[in-house]
Amino acid sequence: MHGRPRKAPKPEEEAASVAKAQKLRALQTQFFSFHHNKIYTKEAVELSAKLLEINPESYTAWNYRKLAVEHYLSQPDCNPDLIKSVLDDELRVVENALRQNFKSYGAWHHRKWVISKGHSSVDNELRLLDKFQKADSRNFHAWNYRRFVAESMKRSEQDELKYTEDMIYKNFSNYSAWHNRSVLLSALFEKKAEGFLSKEKVLPEEYEFIHQAIFTDPDDQSGWFYHLWLLDQTVTTDSPLLASSWPGHGYDVLLVEDRCYNGSAFSPFTALHSDSGSFPIVLYFNQPVGGVSSSTVTVECGFNKNEDLLWKPLSASNSQTARVWVAHLKIPSSDLHSTVEVSVGHSKGIISTRGFEYSHPSMFSFKVRVQPMERDFSQVSVAESISLREENFKIYGTQSEESIINSFNQLSIKNGHESTASNWRSEALAKEIECFRELLSLMDCKIGKLTLARLLMAYDVMSYPFANKLVHSEEVLELYSDLMKLDPTHYQYYKDEHSMVLLQKYKDSVSSAICGPICLRLNNLSLSRMGAFEKLLWVQMLDLSDNELQSIEGLEAMQLLSCLSLRNNKLRSLTALEPLRKLKLLRVLDISYNQIGDHSIDTTRYLCSSPLSHSVGSESNKDETVTSGVALIDNWEAFYIFKDFNLNQLDIVGNTIADEKFKSVLVKIMPKLKQLDGKLLG
């Protein structure tokens, strides 16, 4: 364990182990007989104590003792003295078991259960904990139990905070003490206890405290984990905020029957095909929230009732909390000129996963016009296939860089109340950046470089929230490039972070990336991860070809996508395409030349007990069969991924899975498909 080489046992050790096993088997045989027959005599209970002294991990024995205690306490002649005697015996058994193995889950849980009965004094518990924490000051079982005891004793968080400080000064490498400190501070912030009303005063002092540990031993990870928690506390606002929306504030949306154009005096029209008689309203929050409904979000317009709108979370896990929520506004068939006003959070009910309410109401509005259409998109010949080549991106025309940046900025919801509150955060981050630049000037520290990269990114986001640029992007990219070389074990993590920064930087040069107001090219950038979706809600045609993407998580936020190229990436399975199931307007998809089918084992499917109980199929009938007799059990991934698609055009060539048999399955699953791998279907 923990890197220690295993040695061959000596003959005397082997003999002792055999004798112990024989004794244990004999005890277990007799114990199970008592347990199955519900015998709770003194002899039977004492035998379970002997068993636990040898094997403290016997959960069945601990549960048996709980049943025995309940049996004694339910007797008619039970009195306070008997109760105390029975429970004291249990505490002694636990203490003996912990001497054998003070990391025994069952023993600690049993002790907590006994104390929770309320008949035992907790005064002795802290003294017992001191003994165990002297033996191993980082024993997280003891620290968990200490939090329970402190709460039972009504011991203040401030007193416990002082205790963690003392333990940390004894050993800077005490990860459990650092963790306990973060738990205590979180509780004090939540209660708004005296001296902890604001993070503005407390966090800078905590940064100074952690510097002592980090600069004393930069190679020890305990302090770095606590520093990461401090960074999260610095940059994360408690109350959730609305980061962006589609349509953006001030948009003009022109609806032409089932063709939708979006523009304003400052940005040209873009086209959105919708054959459902509706178009999406998308809300993008800065953290996952629940409670978004017609009660907490009001949509006022002349052609739709607010109570008719159904808000749905866009979450791959089918959770009722998500960063992105969508509702579809129905479009009347007659001529229409109307203003739509969307109010978010004016009624309580939107709550983050951390339990904080949405406390800063937001409002945005856009105009909607409906008029007859000259050409029906649905009548376009299937021979006119859509290609995501360079020339097809340019047919929509070009824009000035200023107008493109305006399109980005219109999506953002400016929360003015945060500007003042963010000043101390920016100052704290600036001091940390200076501190870690000094550290790296003295030594080559991997985790120091990672921390500096995180600090620089956080500082740019905090200091320039609406600037659409990263001032320190080149420095951050260089840091992640160095880390990929210095620490190949974690190469993929650094590569993903490098991709996120590169994507943000590339977004700064929008005039070269965007060939029209609906199209975005992010091809051939070596991206291994996608992000910045809150700025991309307007995109309808997206080229992500020739990258290194293994996941497209988050893409479900881009509700307007109708054409998507993932050609020549590193997608390993069909389940990696699950986010696309949320894109109801997607008509053209290119997933050719990926790695789908290369790997015989798709670990994604084993996230739960059975492939057929995977989240992508949890809402369907497991006995269902595909049209024309294609068995679900043989093609469950393809069926559950593609069955809800309304694709007209699909390219899947170049994947191991894409043989003729599989293509025939796809055609049966998607009867509306008109073109497959460049060939027209009959």
Foldseek 3Di string as FASTA:
>chain_A
DVPDDDDDDDPVVVVVVVVLVVVLVVLVVVLVVCQVVVPLDPVNLVSLLVNCLSPVQPLVSLVSLVSSLVVQCPDPPDDLVNNVVSLVVLLVSLLSSCVVPVLHPSSLVSNLVSVVVVSDDLPCVVVSLVVVCVVPVQNLSSVVSVVVSCVVVVPALVVLLVVLVVSCVVPVLNLSSLVSNLVSLVVCCVVCDVVNVDVLPVLLVVVVVLVVSCVVPVVRCSSVVSVVVSLCVLLDDQAKDFFFKPPFFAKAWEAAQQWIWIHDPLAGTDIFGHPPQWDKIKTAIPAKKAQDALVFKPKDKDPDHSNVWGKQALDLLRDRIHRMIMTIDGHDQDWDKMKIKMKGGPDWGIAGPVGHTNDQIFMGMYIYTYDHDDDDPVPPDLLPDDDPDPVSLQVQDADDPVSVLVSLLRGGGDDVVCLVVLPSSLVSLVVVLVVLVVVCVVDPRLSSLVVNLVSQVSNQCSVPVSPLARPCLVVSLVSLVVNCVVPVVCNVVSLQVSLASVVSHVSSVVRVQHNHQAEGEPDQPQHQEDDPVSSVLRHAAYEHDHHAHQADPPPLSNQRHAHYEHHQYAHAALVSLSSCLSRANHAYYEHAQYAHPVDPDDVQCVPDDGSCCRSLNVVDDQQDQFPPGHGCVVVVSLLSRQLSHQYQYYEHHNYPVPDPVVVVVNCRSHVNHQYYNRDGDD
